[in-house]
Amino acid sequence: MSADERNEKWIERDDRAVLGWRHFPRVVFERGEGMRLWDVNRRSYLDFVSGHISLLLGHGHPELRQALIEQSGKLWHHYKYFAAPPVIEFAEALKSALPSELDVVNFAAVGSESNEIALRIARGVTRAFDLVAVVGGLYGGTLAVESLNSIGGARKRNLGPLLTPARTSTILTPYCYRCPLGLKYPACDIECVTASEELTRRVGTDNVAAVITETILGAGGMIVPPPEWLPRLKAMTERLGALLILDEVQVAPFKTGKV
């Protein structure tokens, strides 16, 4: 079997068995080491996306592999309502690297679940229900957070009756290069936050539970807001009596090289 035939055979099996998005040209990867990947035809690639923005140490890091091997000989999984030393130690390590007010960790499987938990907490604490998001944001694929996505495309087609009501994307994108208000930074004095607050009050119910944003907008264009933006957004959130949720799945501590 030729290399092309081998690749096509795997692609055919993938199409029959797996429902998922695929990039073109179609590639089927077999192994990885460091920053490199090899496909089923033994062709080499540089992995510039770290797996899915998650392999901070690269593929097959020897120290990580050894830790996984050792732990697999002790305990792989257990009922979540009991504790285990590695979970406690990991939470302690995370706490030590975060600001002091972030003093407890709630583990979730994926970013969508994390944001859903945060939204539940916000609604439970504030007893409000409006959920406010940044235009151009992406917060996950489950129904509640899908309601808050606004990156365009056909993601929400035919989902209208299922999406969370009482939500709105009224926070203008903090994109200085293409300012939504046509202003120039820093002379603008971050007018986008002032306009966002007025828009939120006008089109919402003035009963806001949470404002959610990515600290750097990923799928929306890798947009880095000006440094004044997030503190002013936090102040706006406090004036609304809401909680501020920071979705940092793509730029969490250790992923950007800084803590």
Foldseek 3Di string as FASTA:
>chain_A
DDLVVVQVVVVVVCVVPDDDDADPPGFAWDFWDFQWTATPSRDIDGNPCCVPLPVLRTGPDPVVVVVVVVVVVPDDDDDVVDDDVVVVVVQVVVCVQDPVVPRGDDDDDDQLVVVVVVQVVLCVVLVFHEEEEAALAQRDQDQARVLHHHNDDCSCPPVVVPHDPQYYHQQYDLAQVDGPVPDHPPVCVPCSLVRSLVRCVVPGPLRYREYEYECQGDSSPRGHHDPVNPVSNCVSCVVSVYYYHYRHRNPDPSSVPHD
